[in-house]
Amino acid sequence: MERVAAIDVGGTTIKAGILDAGGMLTHARRYPTTAEPEGLARQVAAIARDLSEVVERDGSPLLPTIGLGVPGVVDETRGVGVYSANLGWREAPLRELTATAVNRPVAFGHDVRCGALAEMAWGAGSPTMLYLAIGTGIGAAVVLDGVPWVNRGYAGEIGQSYAALDGRDVVVERYASARGISRQYAQRSGRAVSGAKEVFDAARAGDADAQATLEDAITLIARILSGALGVLGSMDIVLGGGLAEAGAQLTTPLTEVLEQRLRISPAPAITTASLGSWSQALGAGYLALRAEGVETRRGGEGCGVVVGDSGNTGRCQRNEGVSRV
């Protein structure tokens, strides 16, 4: 069986496991993130060694290449973490540091682009698509014929773009991310909420402030998407991140607004991601499998995540919204 170590570095948590070509991630585990680049490289090396030791007990060693996904502005071509506000990186040579620490090749990628690749390989995506992750912030990945567009690491940073709202320019993710929606609703209504889900629930119940807050958010998302699709041409859109859990309450009005804004272009198909919170770890493993020349496959039992060395299994379901895996 051809398997690789797959490691996704988050702002506070590292997710790791062993991935096969069918998208099954076993021995899944979490670790607190070490922010300092050299320390992180040593931590990733230790995780990779731990995963290798686990599978060597059953006589099927991992392939050499490690899959590593990291947040921030990431230049995959140079193997550099250009900038991360949460972890404090600037021009950190993360691929080289990790490869040296573990003495193995490293397939290196951006976390959102990793999530997009996993959705393309095993989830709701397709070889040409726009993947939009909406959570605490907003990030995007453009995949063209199976290859993410990187452009020195700055491709997809649309959450920091300005768009017009009520006659003024605003930073999109301050209004349209999950955090932004919560804050805008609190300012509008005077009522604090614990997250964007409460705003969606209130909107369904007829709360006018919640409905107006979501209308603003969807308008801004549609504006940045319509600009991107005007340049790239219509393509499938997959929505990931926590906000995608809203399902049709998000996709239906977003589709309607996009149809109005695109005018002559065909409206894209908009679906929610299907691989859940482990998608970026799966995508990191995808990079390693491809670096080893292994073709991924769909079908059979499909993809999923086995937590721990003998824990419960959850399976990914395609095109049925976000499943907990």
Protein backbone atom coordinates (compact mmCIF):
# COMPACT_ATOMS: atom_id res chain seq x y z
CA MET A 1 0.00 0.00 0.00
CA GLU A 2 1.37 3.42 -1.00
CA ARG A 3 0.99 5.89 1.86
CA VAL A 4 2.55 9.17 2.98
CA ALA A 5 2.76 11.35 6.07
CA ALA A 6 0.38 14.31 5.72
CA ILE A 7 0.81 17.33 8.01
CA ASP A 8 -1.29 20.52 8.13
CA VAL A 9 0.05 23.39 10.22
CA GLY A 10 -2.64 25.67 11.60
CA GLY A 11 -2.35 28.85 13.61
CA THR A 12 -2.82 26.98 16.89
CA THR A 13 -3.07 23.28 15.97
CA ILE A 14 -1.19 20.86 13.72
CA LYS A 15 -3.23 18.04 12.18
CA ALA A 16 -1.37 15.01 10.91
CA GLY A 17 -1.97 11.47 9.71
CA ILE A 18 -1.12 8.82 7.14
CA LEU A 19 -2.81 9.17 3.75
CA ASP A 20 -3.38 6.66 0.97
CA ALA A 21 -4.25 7.28 -2.67
CA GLY A 22 -7.97 6.80 -2.04
CA GLY A 23 -8.10 9.69 0.39
CA MET A 24 -8.19 7.69 3.61
CA LEU A 25 -6.29 9.39 6.43
CA THR A 26 -5.43 7.04 9.29
CA HIS A 27 -3.68 7.55 12.62
CA ALA A 28 -5.01 11.11 12.62
CA ARG A 29 -3.77 13.23 15.50
CA ARG A 30 -3.41 16.82 16.68
CA TYR A 31 -0.53 18.78 18.24
CA PRO A 32 -0.16 22.39 19.46
CA THR A 33 1.67 24.47 16.85
CA THR A 34 5.23 25.69 17.41
CA ALA A 35 5.38 29.14 15.79
CA GLU A 36 9.14 29.72 15.44
CA PRO A 37 10.25 28.34 12.03
CA GLU A 38 13.25 26.27 13.18
CA GLY A 39 11.27 24.87 16.10
CA LEU A 40 8.34 24.09 13.81
CA ALA A 41 10.64 22.23 11.42
CA ARG A 42 11.92 20.10 14.28
CA GLN A 43 8.36 19.48 15.45
CA VAL A 44 7.21 18.40 11.97
CA ALA A 45 10.21 16.10 11.72
CA ALA A 46 9.30 14.50 15.06
CA ILE A 47 5.68 14.03 13.93
CA ALA A 48 6.81 12.44 10.67
CA ARG A 49 9.10 10.05 12.53
CA ASP A 50 6.28 9.15 14.91
CA LEU A 51 3.94 8.35 12.00
CA SER A 52 6.63 6.31 10.27
CA GLU A 53 7.24 4.24 13.39
CA VAL A 54 3.52 3.52 13.73
CA VAL A 55 3.14 2.02 10.26
CA GLU A 56 6.48 0.21 10.24
CA ARG A 57 5.02 -2.07 12.89
CA ASP A 58 2.69 -3.54 10.25
CA GLY A 59 5.49 -3.98 7.72
CA SER A 60 4.43 -1.31 5.22
CA PRO A 61 6.74 1.73 5.47
CA LEU A 62 5.68 5.15 4.23
CA LEU A 63 6.89 6.64 0.99
CA PRO A 64 9.77 9.07 1.62
CA THR A 65 8.10 12.38 0.76
CA ILE A 66 6.26 14.25 3.52
CA GLY A 67 3.27 16.45 2.67
CA LEU A 68 3.30 19.78 4.53
CA GLY A 69 0.71 22.56 4.33
CA VAL A 70 1.11 25.90 6.12
CA PRO A 71 -0.93 29.12 6.49
CA GLY A 72 -0.23 32.70 5.49
CA VAL A 73 1.28 33.95 2.24
CA VAL A 74 3.10 30.89 0.91
CA ASP A 75 5.39 30.62 -2.12
CA GLU A 76 5.37 26.92 -3.00
CA THR A 77 7.88 27.41 -5.80
CA ARG A 78 10.58 28.68 -3.41
CA GLY A 79 9.35 26.64 -0.44
CA VAL A 80 9.00 29.80 1.63
CA GLY A 81 6.48 31.06 4.16
CA VAL A 82 6.47 34.64 2.90
CA TYR A 83 4.32 36.05 5.70
CA SER A 84 2.08 34.79 8.49
CA ALA A 85 0.42 37.29 10.80
CA ASN A 86 -0.62 34.60 13.29
CA LEU A 87 2.72 32.79 13.47
CA GLY A 88 5.07 35.71 12.88
CA TRP A 89 6.88 34.41 9.79
CA ARG A 90 8.59 36.57 7.20
CA GLU A 91 10.49 34.85 4.39
CA ALA A 92 10.85 31.62 6.38
CA PRO A 93 12.47 28.82 4.30
CA LEU A 94 10.12 26.22 5.75
CA ARG A 95 10.56 23.52 3.12
CA GLU A 96 14.35 23.54 3.43
CA LEU A 97 14.28 23.70 7.23
CA THR A 98 11.87 20.77 7.44
CA ALA A 99 13.66 18.65 4.83
CA THR A 100 16.93 19.16 6.71
CA ALA A 101 15.37 18.33 10.08
CA VAL A 102 13.72 15.12 8.88
CA ASN A 103 16.28 14.18 6.20
CA ARG A 104 13.51 13.44 3.71
CA PRO A 105 11.96 15.33 0.78
CA VAL A 106 9.06 17.64 1.59
CA ALA A 107 6.11 18.48 -0.68
CA PHE A 108 5.18 21.97 0.47
CA GLY A 109 1.96 23.92 0.01
CA HIS A 110 -0.44 26.59 1.17
CA ASP A 111 -3.22 25.43 3.47
CA VAL A 112 -6.14 26.76 1.40
CA ARG A 113 -4.64 25.46 -1.84
CA CYS A 114 -4.16 22.10 -0.11
CA GLY A 115 -7.83 22.10 0.84
CA ALA A 116 -8.74 22.85 -2.77
CA LEU A 117 -6.60 19.99 -4.07
CA ALA A 118 -8.18 17.56 -1.63
CA GLU A 119 -11.66 18.62 -2.73
CA MET A 120 -10.58 18.18 -6.35
CA ALA A 121 -9.16 14.72 -5.72
CA TRP A 122 -11.73 13.23 -3.35
CA GLY A 123 -14.46 15.75 -2.61
CA ALA A 124 -16.82 18.23 -4.22
CA GLY A 125 -14.29 19.91 -6.52
CA SER A 126 -13.16 19.55 -10.11
CA PRO A 127 -9.87 20.06 -12.00
CA THR A 128 -10.81 23.64 -12.86
CA MET A 129 -12.48 25.50 -10.03
CA LEU A 130 -12.40 28.37 -7.58
CA TYR A 131 -12.25 27.26 -3.94
CA LEU A 132 -13.29 29.86 -1.37
CA ALA A 133 -12.57 29.15 2.30
CA ILE A 134 -14.65 31.38 4.59
CA GLY A 135 -13.88 31.09 8.27
CA THR A 136 -12.12 33.47 10.64
CA GLY A 137 -10.77 35.07 7.45
CA ILE A 138 -11.36 34.56 3.73
CA GLY A 139 -8.92 32.87 1.37
CA ALA A 140 -9.25 31.48 -2.12
CA ALA A 141 -7.51 29.03 -4.40
CA VAL A 142 -7.79 28.95 -8.16
CA VAL A 143 -7.16 25.51 -9.65
CA LEU A 144 -6.66 25.37 -13.42
CA ASP A 145 -6.50 21.94 -15.07
CA GLY A 146 -5.55 20.40 -11.75
CA VAL A 147 -2.81 22.90 -10.89
CA PRO A 148 -3.22 25.69 -8.28
CA TRP A 149 -2.26 29.19 -9.39
CA VAL A 150 0.34 30.49 -6.91
CA ASN A 151 1.91 33.74 -8.28
CA ARG A 152 4.69 33.99 -5.67
CA GLY A 153 2.23 33.12 -2.91
CA TYR A 154 -0.12 36.07 -3.27
CA ALA A 155 -2.81 34.36 -5.36
CA GLY A 156 -6.09 33.97 -3.51
CA GLU A 157 -5.64 36.70 -0.88
CA ILE A 158 -9.06 38.13 -1.71
CA GLY A 159 -10.26 38.57 1.86
CA GLN A 160 -7.99 41.61 2.12
CA SER A 161 -9.44 43.15 -1.04
CA TYR A 162 -11.63 46.24 -1.01
CA ALA A 163 -15.16 46.17 -2.41
CA ALA A 164 -17.95 48.72 -2.48
CA LEU A 165 -20.71 48.55 0.12
CA ASP A 166 -23.30 51.31 0.57
CA GLY A 167 -21.17 53.78 -1.35
CA ARG A 168 -17.87 53.15 0.45
CA ASP A 169 -14.97 50.76 0.07
CA VAL A 170 -14.59 48.15 2.79
CA VAL A 171 -12.20 45.26 3.44
CA VAL A 172 -14.19 42.19 2.43
CA GLU A 173 -13.36 39.83 5.27
CA ARG A 174 -14.23 42.46 7.91
CA TYR A 175 -17.85 42.07 6.76
CA ALA A 176 -18.07 38.68 5.05
CA SER A 177 -15.93 36.28 7.09
CA ALA A 178 -17.48 34.33 9.96
CA ARG A 179 -15.80 36.69 12.42
CA GLY A 180 -16.83 39.73 10.38
CA ILE A 181 -20.47 38.64 10.22
CA SER A 182 -20.58 38.17 14.00
CA ARG A 183 -19.05 41.60 14.62
CA GLN A 184 -21.23 43.43 12.09
CA TYR A 185 -24.37 41.86 13.49
CA ALA A 186 -23.38 42.85 17.04
CA GLN A 187 -22.77 46.44 15.93
CA ARG A 188 -26.03 46.58 13.99
CA SER A 189 -28.26 44.95 16.60
CA GLY A 190 -26.49 45.67 19.88
CA ARG A 191 -26.56 41.95 20.66
CA ALA A 192 -23.35 39.93 20.92
CA VAL A 193 -23.24 36.43 19.40
CA SER A 194 -20.79 33.58 19.80
CA GLY A 195 -20.42 32.97 16.06
CA ALA A 196 -21.84 33.39 12.57
CA LYS A 197 -24.11 30.36 13.00
CA GLU A 198 -26.21 32.35 15.46
CA VAL A 199 -26.61 35.08 12.84
CA PHE A 200 -27.79 32.57 10.23
CA ASP A 201 -30.19 31.07 12.77
CA ALA A 202 -31.54 34.52 13.64
CA ALA A 203 -32.00 35.37 9.97
CA ARG A 204 -34.05 32.21 9.45
CA ALA A 205 -36.20 33.24 12.41
CA GLY A 206 -36.94 36.61 10.77
CA ASP A 207 -34.43 38.86 12.54
CA ALA A 208 -34.14 41.90 10.25
CA ASP A 209 -30.69 42.86 11.55
CA ALA A 210 -29.37 39.36 10.88
CA GLN A 211 -30.89 39.33 7.40
CA ALA A 212 -29.32 42.71 6.57
CA THR A 213 -25.93 41.57 7.91
CA LEU A 214 -26.00 38.44 5.75
CA GLU A 215 -27.17 40.41 2.72
CA ASP A 216 -24.13 42.69 3.05
CA ALA A 217 -21.80 39.69 3.41
CA ILE A 218 -23.24 37.86 0.41
CA THR A 219 -23.15 41.03 -1.69
CA LEU A 220 -19.44 41.48 -0.96
CA ILE A 221 -18.61 37.83 -1.65
CA ALA A 222 -20.52 38.03 -4.94
CA ARG A 223 -18.64 41.17 -5.94
CA ILE A 224 -15.20 39.67 -5.46
CA LEU A 225 -16.25 36.40 -7.11
CA SER A 226 -17.81 38.12 -10.10
CA GLY A 227 -14.61 40.09 -10.66
CA ALA A 228 -12.53 36.91 -10.51
CA LEU A 229 -14.88 35.03 -12.82
CA GLY A 230 -14.98 37.94 -15.22
CA VAL A 231 -11.24 37.48 -15.73
CA LEU A 232 -11.03 33.69 -15.50
CA GLY A 233 -14.35 32.75 -17.08
CA SER A 234 -17.12 30.86 -15.37
CA MET A 235 -15.97 27.80 -13.38
CA ASP A 236 -17.20 25.65 -10.52
CA ILE A 237 -17.07 27.26 -7.08
CA VAL A 238 -16.58 25.22 -3.91
CA LEU A 239 -17.20 26.94 -0.59
CA GLY A 240 -15.18 25.69 2.38
CA GLY A 241 -14.47 26.85 5.90
CA GLY A 242 -16.92 27.14 8.75
CA LEU A 243 -19.36 29.41 6.90
CA ALA A 244 -20.00 26.69 4.31
CA GLU A 245 -21.94 24.81 6.99
CA ALA A 246 -24.80 27.25 6.30
CA GLY A 247 -25.43 25.23 3.12
CA ALA A 248 -28.29 26.45 0.95
CA GLN A 249 -28.84 29.50 3.16
CA LEU A 250 -25.53 30.73 1.73
CA THR A 251 -25.30 29.09 -1.70
CA THR A 252 -28.82 29.95 -2.93
CA PRO A 253 -28.69 33.76 -2.46
CA LEU A 254 -25.04 33.83 -3.53
CA THR A 255 -25.95 32.08 -6.79
CA GLU A 256 -28.81 34.54 -7.38
CA VAL A 257 -26.61 37.60 -6.83
CA LEU A 258 -23.83 36.18 -9.01
CA GLU A 259 -26.27 35.49 -11.84
CA GLN A 260 -27.26 39.16 -11.77
CA ARG A 261 -23.68 40.42 -11.72
CA LEU A 262 -22.14 38.16 -14.38
CA ARG A 263 -24.61 39.29 -17.03
CA ILE A 264 -23.41 37.43 -20.15
CA SER A 265 -21.32 34.68 -18.53
CA PRO A 266 -23.00 31.42 -17.50
CA ALA A 267 -23.64 31.15 -13.78
CA PRO A 268 -21.19 28.85 -12.01
CA ALA A 269 -22.20 25.78 -10.05
CA ILE A 270 -21.73 26.57 -6.35
CA THR A 271 -21.38 23.71 -3.90
CA THR A 272 -20.16 23.35 -0.34
CA ALA A 273 -16.98 21.45 0.46
CA SER A 274 -17.42 17.83 1.52
CA LEU A 275 -14.21 16.90 3.33
CA GLY A 276 -14.65 18.83 6.56
CA SER A 277 -11.95 20.21 8.82
CA TRP A 278 -9.28 17.66 7.79
CA SER A 279 -9.33 18.64 4.10
CA GLN A 280 -6.08 20.62 4.34
CA ALA A 281 -4.24 17.67 5.84
CA LEU A 282 -5.58 15.49 3.02
CA GLY A 283 -4.38 18.09 0.52
CA ALA A 284 -0.89 18.14 2.03
CA GLY A 285 -0.79 14.38 1.62
CA TYR A 286 -2.03 14.74 -1.95
CA LEU A 287 1.05 16.86 -2.74
CA ALA A 288 3.32 14.13 -1.34
CA LEU A 289 1.56 11.36 -3.26
CA ARG A 290 1.89 13.27 -6.51
CA ALA A 291 5.55 14.06 -5.79
CA GLU A 292 6.06 10.29 -5.46
CA GLY A 293 4.29 9.68 -8.78
CA VAL A 294 1.24 8.05 -7.17
CA GLU A 295 -2.08 8.61 -8.94
CA THR A 296 -4.98 9.32 -6.61
CA ARG A 297 -8.24 7.45 -7.05
CA ARG A 298 -11.92 7.81 -6.31
CA GLY A 299 -14.39 5.04 -5.68
CA GLY A 300 -14.39 2.05 -3.41
CA GLU A 301 -14.89 2.95 0.24
CA GLY A 302 -13.87 6.52 -0.48
CA CYS A 303 -12.08 8.92 1.79
CA GLY A 304 -12.24 9.46 5.50
CA VAL A 305 -10.31 9.97 8.69
CA VAL A 306 -9.41 7.46 11.38
CA VAL A 307 -8.58 9.32 14.58
CA GLY A 308 -5.76 7.84 16.65
CA ASP A 309 -4.15 4.49 16.11
CA SER A 310 -7.38 2.54 16.48
CA GLY A 311 -10.07 5.17 16.80
CA ASN A 312 -13.36 5.83 15.12
CA THR A 313 -13.68 6.26 11.37
CA GLY A 314 -15.63 8.99 9.64
CA ARG A 315 -16.18 8.97 5.89
CA CYS A 316 -16.43 11.88 3.50
CA GLN A 317 -19.61 12.19 1.51
CA ARG A 318 -19.39 14.02 -1.81
CA ASN A 319 -21.70 16.92 -2.67
CA GLU A 320 -23.75 16.67 0.51
CA GLY A 321 -22.40 19.72 2.30
CA VAL A 322 -19.77 19.54 5.00
CA SER A 323 -19.52 16.23 6.80
CA ARG A 324 -17.73 15.70 10.06
CA VAL A 325 -14.89 13.32 9.33
